[in-house]
Amino acid sequence: MAVNMETIEKLPLVQKVLIVVGIILLVYVLFYFGYVNSKHKDIEKKQADLTKLQYEVSQGKAVQAKIEEYERKKVELEKQLKEAEKRLPRDAKIPQLLETISDLARGNTLQFPKFKPGKTTTGCGGICKQIALEVELTGTYNNIAVFLDQLSKLERIVGVSSLQLTPNKKKTKKGAAASASSAEQDLKASTKLVTYMFAGRSAAPPQKGEKGKKKSKKKKGK
């Protein structure tokens, strides 16, 4: 049966209402599945992408934080290394040490007639080298004591291995020499100093197997 407007107009009110409601529901269903559902899926996909991106960003921030922490540690270690190299330099730097000791001597009104580098020997298990220094100073006991105290407080490690104090025969005060106190008496300090420089790690001792191989090679050579 053909449905037209006249047929619909003849229907009871209830049926007309049901037809209108059915049309509205059909439009809603078509709209939902045709537009809303697709948009909902699109939103879910974008939400998943956003969640993934947020996770990647959080991971990136964690990595960046670790990098920044490593950079801070690197700067701190480099600072500590520089401080350590002041006390244990990689080079002998004898001219700089001579200048430092000479400045200390002049600051304490001491004569500084002798500065002689001695032997360099390996110490500290091969990690550092010991440099012997022979130094002579002349001046009062108090000034020599202050000089040695200042020497022990230098950034670079400098120690006193031996010290001999004797009256300075080249400089005596006429008449007053006999009555001068030991603190005012002019003395000659003959001292042996020792300083250090970094030598790197010591070589690992050969293993037993390597020693055996060396001995067998020597026997074959014989």
C-alpha atoms as a PDB file:
ATOM      1  CA  MET A   1       0.000   0.000   0.000  1.00  0.00           C
ATOM      2  CA  ALA A   2       1.367   3.365  -1.046  1.00  0.00           C
ATOM      3  CA  VAL A   3       2.009   5.747   1.798  1.00  0.00           C
ATOM      4  CA  ASN A   4       1.300   9.399   1.142  1.00  0.00           C
ATOM      5  CA  MET A   5       0.355  12.448   3.134  1.00  0.00           C
ATOM      6  CA  GLU A   6      -3.368  11.776   2.814  1.00  0.00           C
ATOM      7  CA  THR A   7      -2.951   8.304   4.251  1.00  0.00           C
ATOM      8  CA  ILE A   8      -0.937   9.668   7.161  1.00  0.00           C
ATOM      9  CA  GLU A   9      -3.481  12.385   7.845  1.00  0.00           C
ATOM     10  CA  LYS A  10      -6.247   9.757   8.147  1.00  0.00           C
ATOM     11  CA  LEU A  11      -4.275   7.818  10.792  1.00  0.00           C
ATOM     12  CA  PRO A  12      -5.159   8.179  14.465  1.00  0.00           C
ATOM     13  CA  LEU A  13      -3.130  10.721  16.533  1.00  0.00           C
ATOM     14  CA  VAL A  14      -1.294   8.005  18.422  1.00  0.00           C
ATOM     15  CA  GLN A  15       0.013   6.444  15.229  1.00  0.00           C
ATOM     16  CA  LYS A  16       1.023   9.857  13.910  1.00  0.00           C
ATOM     17  CA  VAL A  17       2.996  10.469  17.097  1.00  0.00           C
ATOM     18  CA  LEU A  18       4.634   7.035  16.836  1.00  0.00           C
ATOM     19  CA  ILE A  19       5.599   7.710  13.212  1.00  0.00           C
ATOM     20  CA  VAL A  20       7.183  11.045  14.175  1.00  0.00           C
ATOM     21  CA  VAL A  21       9.022   9.443  17.099  1.00  0.00           C
ATOM     22  CA  GLY A  22      10.208   6.605  14.824  1.00  0.00           C
ATOM     23  CA  ILE A  23      11.500   9.088  12.250  1.00  0.00           C
ATOM     24  CA  ILE A  24      13.340  11.009  15.010  1.00  0.00           C
ATOM     25  CA  LEU A  25      14.878   7.804  16.369  1.00  0.00           C
ATOM     26  CA  LEU A  26      15.923   6.719  12.888  1.00  0.00           C
ATOM     27  CA  VAL A  27      17.585  10.075  12.257  1.00  0.00           C
ATOM     28  CA  TYR A  28      19.309   9.859  15.664  1.00  0.00           C
ATOM     29  CA  VAL A  29      20.537   6.318  14.992  1.00  0.00           C
ATOM     30  CA  LEU A  30      21.800   7.264  11.544  1.00  0.00           C
ATOM     31  CA  PHE A  31      23.457  10.380  12.988  1.00  0.00           C
ATOM     32  CA  TYR A  32      25.041   8.405  15.846  1.00  0.00           C
ATOM     33  CA  PHE A  33      26.473   5.594  13.750  1.00  0.00           C
ATOM     34  CA  GLY A  34      27.295   7.823  10.831  1.00  0.00           C
ATOM     35  CA  TYR A  35      28.913  10.734  12.645  1.00  0.00           C
ATOM     36  CA  VAL A  36      29.031  10.504  16.438  1.00  0.00           C
ATOM     37  CA  ASN A  37      30.427   6.967  16.551  1.00  0.00           C
ATOM     38  CA  SER A  38      33.148   7.761  14.027  1.00  0.00           C
ATOM     39  CA  LYS A  39      34.056  10.909  15.955  1.00  0.00           C
ATOM     40  CA  HIS A  40      34.062   8.933  19.191  1.00  0.00           C
ATOM     41  CA  LYS A  41      36.509   6.437  17.683  1.00  0.00           C
ATOM     42  CA  ASP A  42      38.613   9.320  16.394  1.00  0.00           C
ATOM     43  CA  ILE A  43      38.620  10.863  19.878  1.00  0.00           C
ATOM     44  CA  GLU A  44      39.637   7.531  21.434  1.00  0.00           C
ATOM     45  CA  LYS A  45      42.495   7.201  18.917  1.00  0.00           C
ATOM     46  CA  LYS A  46      43.670  10.740  19.606  1.00  0.00           C
ATOM     47  CA  GLN A  47      43.388  10.120  23.338  1.00  0.00           C
ATOM     48  CA  ALA A  48      45.540   6.987  22.961  1.00  0.00           C
ATOM     49  CA  ASP A  49      48.046   8.985  20.886  1.00  0.00           C
ATOM     50  CA  LEU A  50      48.062  11.710  23.546  1.00  0.00           C
ATOM     51  CA  THR A  51      48.633   9.162  26.316  1.00  0.00           C
ATOM     52  CA  LYS A  52      51.503   7.643  24.348  1.00  0.00           C
ATOM     53  CA  LEU A  53      52.972  11.077  23.688  1.00  0.00           C
ATOM     54  CA  GLN A  54      52.688  12.025  27.369  1.00  0.00           C
ATOM     55  CA  TYR A  55      54.489   8.803  28.298  1.00  0.00           C
ATOM     56  CA  GLU A  56      57.247   9.528  25.786  1.00  0.00           C
ATOM     57  CA  VAL A  57      57.524  13.085  27.104  1.00  0.00           C
ATOM     58  CA  SER A  58      57.762  11.811  30.689  1.00  0.00           C
ATOM     59  CA  GLN A  59      60.421   9.321  29.604  1.00  0.00           C
ATOM     60  CA  GLY A  60      62.264  12.084  27.780  1.00  0.00           C
ATOM     61  CA  LYS A  61      62.113  14.284  30.871  1.00  0.00           C
ATOM     62  CA  ALA A  62      63.488  11.423  32.986  1.00  0.00           C
ATOM     63  CA  VAL A  63      66.347  10.922  30.514  1.00  0.00           C
ATOM     64  CA  GLN A  64      66.992  14.677  30.427  1.00  0.00           C
ATOM     65  CA  ALA A  65      67.051  14.772  34.224  1.00  0.00           C
ATOM     66  CA  LYS A  66      69.616  11.955  34.253  1.00  0.00           C
ATOM     67  CA  ILE A  67      71.712  13.739  31.637  1.00  0.00           C
ATOM     68  CA  GLU A  68      71.633  16.936  33.696  1.00  0.00           C
ATOM     69  CA  GLU A  69      72.591  14.947  36.817  1.00  0.00           C
ATOM     70  CA  TYR A  70      75.506  13.338  34.953  1.00  0.00           C
ATOM     71  CA  GLU A  71      76.586  16.769  33.726  1.00  0.00           C
ATOM     72  CA  ARG A  72      76.548  18.112  37.285  1.00  0.00           C
ATOM     73  CA  LYS A  73      78.575  15.123  38.479  1.00  0.00           C
ATOM     74  CA  LYS A  74      81.007  15.598  35.586  1.00  0.00           C
ATOM     75  CA  VAL A  75      81.532  19.267  36.496  1.00  0.00           C
ATOM     76  CA  GLU A  76      82.042  18.332  40.164  1.00  0.00           C
ATOM     77  CA  LEU A  77      84.513  15.564  39.288  1.00  0.00           C
ATOM     78  CA  GLU A  78      86.433  17.898  36.973  1.00  0.00           C
ATOM     79  CA  LYS A  79      86.602  20.427  39.798  1.00  0.00           C
ATOM     80  CA  GLN A  80      87.872  17.759  42.205  1.00  0.00           C
ATOM     81  CA  LEU A  81      90.416  16.627  39.600  1.00  0.00           C
ATOM     82  CA  LYS A  82      91.753  20.173  39.230  1.00  0.00           C
ATOM     83  CA  GLU A  83      92.053  20.491  42.998  1.00  0.00           C
ATOM     84  CA  ALA A  84      93.838  17.132  43.173  1.00  0.00           C
ATOM     85  CA  GLU A  85      96.224  18.126  40.361  1.00  0.00           C
ATOM     86  CA  LYS A  86      97.217  21.203  42.356  1.00  0.00           C
ATOM     87  CA  ARG A  87      98.442  18.886  45.126  1.00  0.00           C
ATOM     88  CA  LEU A  88      99.706  16.144  42.817  1.00  0.00           C
ATOM     89  CA  PRO A  89     100.464  17.650  39.378  1.00  0.00           C
ATOM     90  CA  ARG A  90     101.032  15.546  36.272  1.00  0.00           C
ATOM     91  CA  ASP A  91     104.320  17.373  35.568  1.00  0.00           C
ATOM     92  CA  ALA A  92     107.254  18.117  37.867  1.00  0.00           C
ATOM     93  CA  LYS A  93     106.804  21.922  37.490  1.00  0.00           C
ATOM     94  CA  ILE A  94     110.089  22.571  39.285  1.00  0.00           C
ATOM     95  CA  PRO A  95     110.431  26.209  38.057  1.00  0.00           C
ATOM     96  CA  GLN A  96     106.996  27.077  39.478  1.00  0.00           C
ATOM     97  CA  LEU A  97     107.871  25.357  42.779  1.00  0.00           C
ATOM     98  CA  LEU A  98     111.192  27.234  42.915  1.00  0.00           C
ATOM     99  CA  GLU A  99     109.353  30.516  42.445  1.00  0.00           C
ATOM    100  CA  THR A 100     106.853  29.642  45.185  1.00  0.00           C
ATOM    101  CA  ILE A 101     109.582  28.668  47.681  1.00  0.00           C
ATOM    102  CA  SER A 102     111.601  31.756  46.777  1.00  0.00           C
ATOM    103  CA  ASP A 103     108.556  33.987  47.411  1.00  0.00           C
ATOM    104  CA  LEU A 104     108.002  32.332  50.809  1.00  0.00           C
ATOM    105  CA  ALA A 105     111.665  32.847  51.721  1.00  0.00           C
ATOM    106  CA  ARG A 106     111.613  36.524  50.753  1.00  0.00           C
ATOM    107  CA  GLY A 107     108.332  37.018  52.623  1.00  0.00           C
ATOM    108  CA  ASN A 108     110.010  35.725  55.790  1.00  0.00           C
ATOM    109  CA  THR A 109     113.230  37.741  55.332  1.00  0.00           C
ATOM    110  CA  LEU A 110     115.293  34.635  54.557  1.00  0.00           C
ATOM    111  CA  GLN A 111     118.264  34.274  52.252  1.00  0.00           C
ATOM    112  CA  PHE A 112     117.824  31.493  49.731  1.00  0.00           C
ATOM    113  CA  PRO A 113     121.271  30.576  48.396  1.00  0.00           C
ATOM    114  CA  LYS A 114     120.604  26.996  47.304  1.00  0.00           C
ATOM    115  CA  PHE A 115     117.854  25.102  45.499  1.00  0.00           C
ATOM    116  CA  LYS A 116     118.906  21.848  43.892  1.00  0.00           C
ATOM    117  CA  PRO A 117     116.522  19.214  42.475  1.00  0.00           C
ATOM    118  CA  GLY A 118     117.624  15.697  43.393  1.00  0.00           C
ATOM    119  CA  LYS A 119     116.673  12.208  42.289  1.00  0.00           C
ATOM    120  CA  THR A 120     113.220  11.285  41.084  1.00  0.00           C
ATOM    121  CA  THR A 121     112.016   7.939  42.354  1.00  0.00           C
ATOM    122  CA  THR A 122     108.789   5.978  41.909  1.00  0.00           C
ATOM    123  CA  GLY A 123     106.563   5.619  44.960  1.00  0.00           C
ATOM    124  CA  CYS A 124     102.980   5.066  46.068  1.00  0.00           C
ATOM    125  CA  GLY A 125     102.836   1.722  44.289  1.00  0.00           C
ATOM    126  CA  GLY A 126     103.826   3.290  40.991  1.00  0.00           C
ATOM    127  CA  ILE A 127     101.035   5.871  41.056  1.00  0.00           C
ATOM    128  CA  CYS A 128     103.278   8.839  41.852  1.00  0.00           C
ATOM    129  CA  LYS A 129     106.906   9.912  41.637  1.00  0.00           C
ATOM    130  CA  GLN A 130     108.898  11.443  44.479  1.00  0.00           C
ATOM    131  CA  ILE A 131     111.158  14.375  43.642  1.00  0.00           C
ATOM    132  CA  ALA A 132     113.930  15.169  46.135  1.00  0.00           C
ATOM    133  CA  LEU A 133     114.986  18.796  46.614  1.00  0.00           C
ATOM    134  CA  GLU A 134     117.987  20.209  48.479  1.00  0.00           C
ATOM    135  CA  VAL A 135     117.395  23.669  49.909  1.00  0.00           C
ATOM    136  CA  GLU A 136     119.513  26.007  52.049  1.00  0.00           C
ATOM    137  CA  LEU A 137     118.130  29.005  53.920  1.00  0.00           C
ATOM    138  CA  THR A 138     119.649  31.556  56.246  1.00  0.00           C
ATOM    139  CA  GLY A 139     117.770  33.661  58.779  1.00  0.00           C
ATOM    140  CA  THR A 140     116.425  33.639  62.311  1.00  0.00           C
ATOM    141  CA  TYR A 141     114.940  30.549  63.926  1.00  0.00           C
ATOM    142  CA  ASN A 142     111.465  32.099  64.104  1.00  0.00           C
ATOM    143  CA  ASN A 143     111.491  33.088  60.431  1.00  0.00           C
ATOM    144  CA  ILE A 144     112.682  29.616  59.384  1.00  0.00           C
ATOM    145  CA  ALA A 145     109.931  28.009  61.504  1.00  0.00           C
ATOM    146  CA  VAL A 146     107.247  30.231  59.911  1.00  0.00           C
ATOM    147  CA  PHE A 147     108.641  29.428  56.450  1.00  0.00           C
ATOM    148  CA  LEU A 148     108.437  25.678  57.073  1.00  0.00           C
ATOM    149  CA  ASP A 149     104.900  26.023  58.437  1.00  0.00           C
ATOM    150  CA  GLN A 150     103.814  27.927  55.317  1.00  0.00           C
ATOM    151  CA  LEU A 151     105.563  25.367  53.143  1.00  0.00           C
ATOM    152  CA  SER A 152     103.493  22.556  54.678  1.00  0.00           C
ATOM    153  CA  LYS A 153     100.271  24.447  53.831  1.00  0.00           C
ATOM    154  CA  LEU A 154     100.942  24.866  50.120  1.00  0.00           C
ATOM    155  CA  GLU A 155      98.372  23.502  47.663  1.00  0.00           C
ATOM    156  CA  ARG A 156     101.079  21.228  46.274  1.00  0.00           C
ATOM    157  CA  ILE A 157     102.327  18.500  48.596  1.00  0.00           C
ATOM    158  CA  VAL A 158     105.812  19.434  49.847  1.00  0.00           C
ATOM    159  CA  GLY A 159     107.279  17.639  52.843  1.00  0.00           C
ATOM    160  CA  VAL A 160     110.482  17.971  54.869  1.00  0.00           C
ATOM    161  CA  SER A 161     112.511  14.768  54.969  1.00  0.00           C
ATOM    162  CA  SER A 162     115.454  16.189  56.936  1.00  0.00           C
ATOM    163  CA  LEU A 163     116.462  19.485  58.557  1.00  0.00           C
ATOM    164  CA  GLN A 164     119.791  20.607  59.996  1.00  0.00           C
ATOM    165  CA  LEU A 165     120.217  23.980  61.743  1.00  0.00           C
ATOM    166  CA  THR A 166     123.699  25.421  62.279  1.00  0.00           C
ATOM    167  CA  PRO A 167     124.971  28.907  63.161  1.00  0.00           C
ATOM    168  CA  ASN A 168     125.517  31.006  60.071  1.00  0.00           C
ATOM    169  CA  LYS A 169     129.290  31.590  60.179  1.00  0.00           C
ATOM    170  CA  LYS A 170     129.192  33.990  57.250  1.00  0.00           C
ATOM    171  CA  LYS A 171     127.066  36.469  59.196  1.00  0.00           C
ATOM    172  CA  THR A 172     127.860  37.218  62.845  1.00  0.00           C
ATOM    173  CA  LYS A 173     127.053  40.328  64.820  1.00  0.00           C
ATOM    174  CA  LYS A 174     130.034  41.936  66.524  1.00  0.00           C
ATOM    175  CA  GLY A 175     129.666  42.047  70.250  1.00  0.00           C
ATOM    176  CA  ALA A 176     125.993  41.126  70.145  1.00  0.00           C
ATOM    177  CA  ALA A 177     126.491  37.636  68.728  1.00  0.00           C
ATOM    178  CA  ALA A 178     127.372  36.126  72.084  1.00  0.00           C
ATOM    179  CA  SER A 179     124.366  37.602  73.897  1.00  0.00           C
ATOM    180  CA  ALA A 180     121.774  37.081  71.154  1.00  0.00           C
ATOM    181  CA  SER A 181     118.954  34.667  71.932  1.00  0.00           C
ATOM    182  CA  SER A 182     118.497  31.514  69.873  1.00  0.00           C
ATOM    183  CA  ALA A 183     115.354  33.045  68.305  1.00  0.00           C
ATOM    184  CA  GLU A 184     117.341  36.071  67.065  1.00  0.00           C
ATOM    185  CA  GLN A 185     120.522  34.229  66.135  1.00  0.00           C
ATOM    186  CA  ASP A 186     121.207  33.981  62.398  1.00  0.00           C
ATOM    187  CA  LEU A 187     121.091  30.333  61.367  1.00  0.00           C
ATOM    188  CA  LYS A 188     121.690  28.255  58.286  1.00  0.00           C
ATOM    189  CA  ALA A 189     119.001  25.668  57.556  1.00  0.00           C
ATOM    190  CA  SER A 190     120.109  22.773  55.369  1.00  0.00           C
ATOM    191  CA  THR A 191     116.963  20.895  54.481  1.00  0.00           C
ATOM    192  CA  LYS A 192     115.905  18.133  52.164  1.00  0.00           C
ATOM    193  CA  LEU A 193     112.403  18.445  50.793  1.00  0.00           C
ATOM    194  CA  VAL A 194     110.293  15.958  48.891  1.00  0.00           C
ATOM    195  CA  THR A 195     107.456  16.719  46.514  1.00  0.00           C
ATOM    196  CA  TYR A 196     105.358  14.473  44.313  1.00  0.00           C
ATOM    197  CA  MET A 197     103.928  14.249  40.810  1.00  0.00           C
ATOM    198  CA  PHE A 198     101.333  11.964  39.297  1.00  0.00           C
ATOM    199  CA  ALA A 199     102.837   9.055  37.358  1.00  0.00           C
ATOM    200  CA  GLY A 200      99.713   7.128  36.318  1.00  0.00           C
ATOM    201  CA  ARG A 201      98.671   3.629  37.269  1.00  0.00           C
ATOM    202  CA  SER A 202     101.331   1.079  37.943  1.00  0.00           C
ATOM    203  CA  ALA A 203     101.651  -1.778  35.500  1.00  0.00           C
ATOM    204  CA  ALA A 204      99.972  -4.972  36.640  1.00  0.00           C
ATOM    205  CA  PRO A 205     102.449  -7.665  37.743  1.00  0.00           C
ATOM    206  CA  PRO A 206     102.847 -10.505  35.230  1.00  0.00           C
ATOM    207  CA  GLN A 207     100.794 -13.595  35.946  1.00  0.00           C
ATOM    208  CA  LYS A 208     102.328 -16.957  36.775  1.00  0.00           C
ATOM    209  CA  GLY A 209     101.572 -18.322  33.327  1.00  0.00           C
ATOM    210  CA  GLU A 210     103.354 -15.396  31.684  1.00  0.00           C
ATOM    211  CA  LYS A 211     106.413 -15.904  33.906  1.00  0.00           C
ATOM    212  CA  GLY A 212     106.498 -19.578  32.938  1.00  0.00           C
ATOM    213  CA  LYS A 213     106.331 -18.704  29.252  1.00  0.00           C
ATOM    214  CA  LYS A 214     109.204 -16.243  29.604  1.00  0.00           C
ATOM    215  CA  LYS A 215     111.360 -18.862  31.375  1.00  0.00           C
ATOM    216  CA  SER A 216     110.600 -21.500  28.725  1.00  0.00           C
ATOM    217  CA  LYS A 217     111.567 -19.030  25.979  1.00  0.00           C
ATOM    218  CA  LYS A 218     114.886 -18.369  27.727  1.00  0.00           C
ATOM    219  CA  LYS A 219     115.587 -22.123  27.969  1.00  0.00           C
ATOM    220  CA  LYS A 220     114.839 -22.593  24.261  1.00  0.00           C
ATOM    221  CA  GLY A 221     117.187 -19.726  23.442  1.00  0.00           C
ATOM    222  CA  LYS A 222     119.959 -21.491  25.369  1.00  0.00           C
END
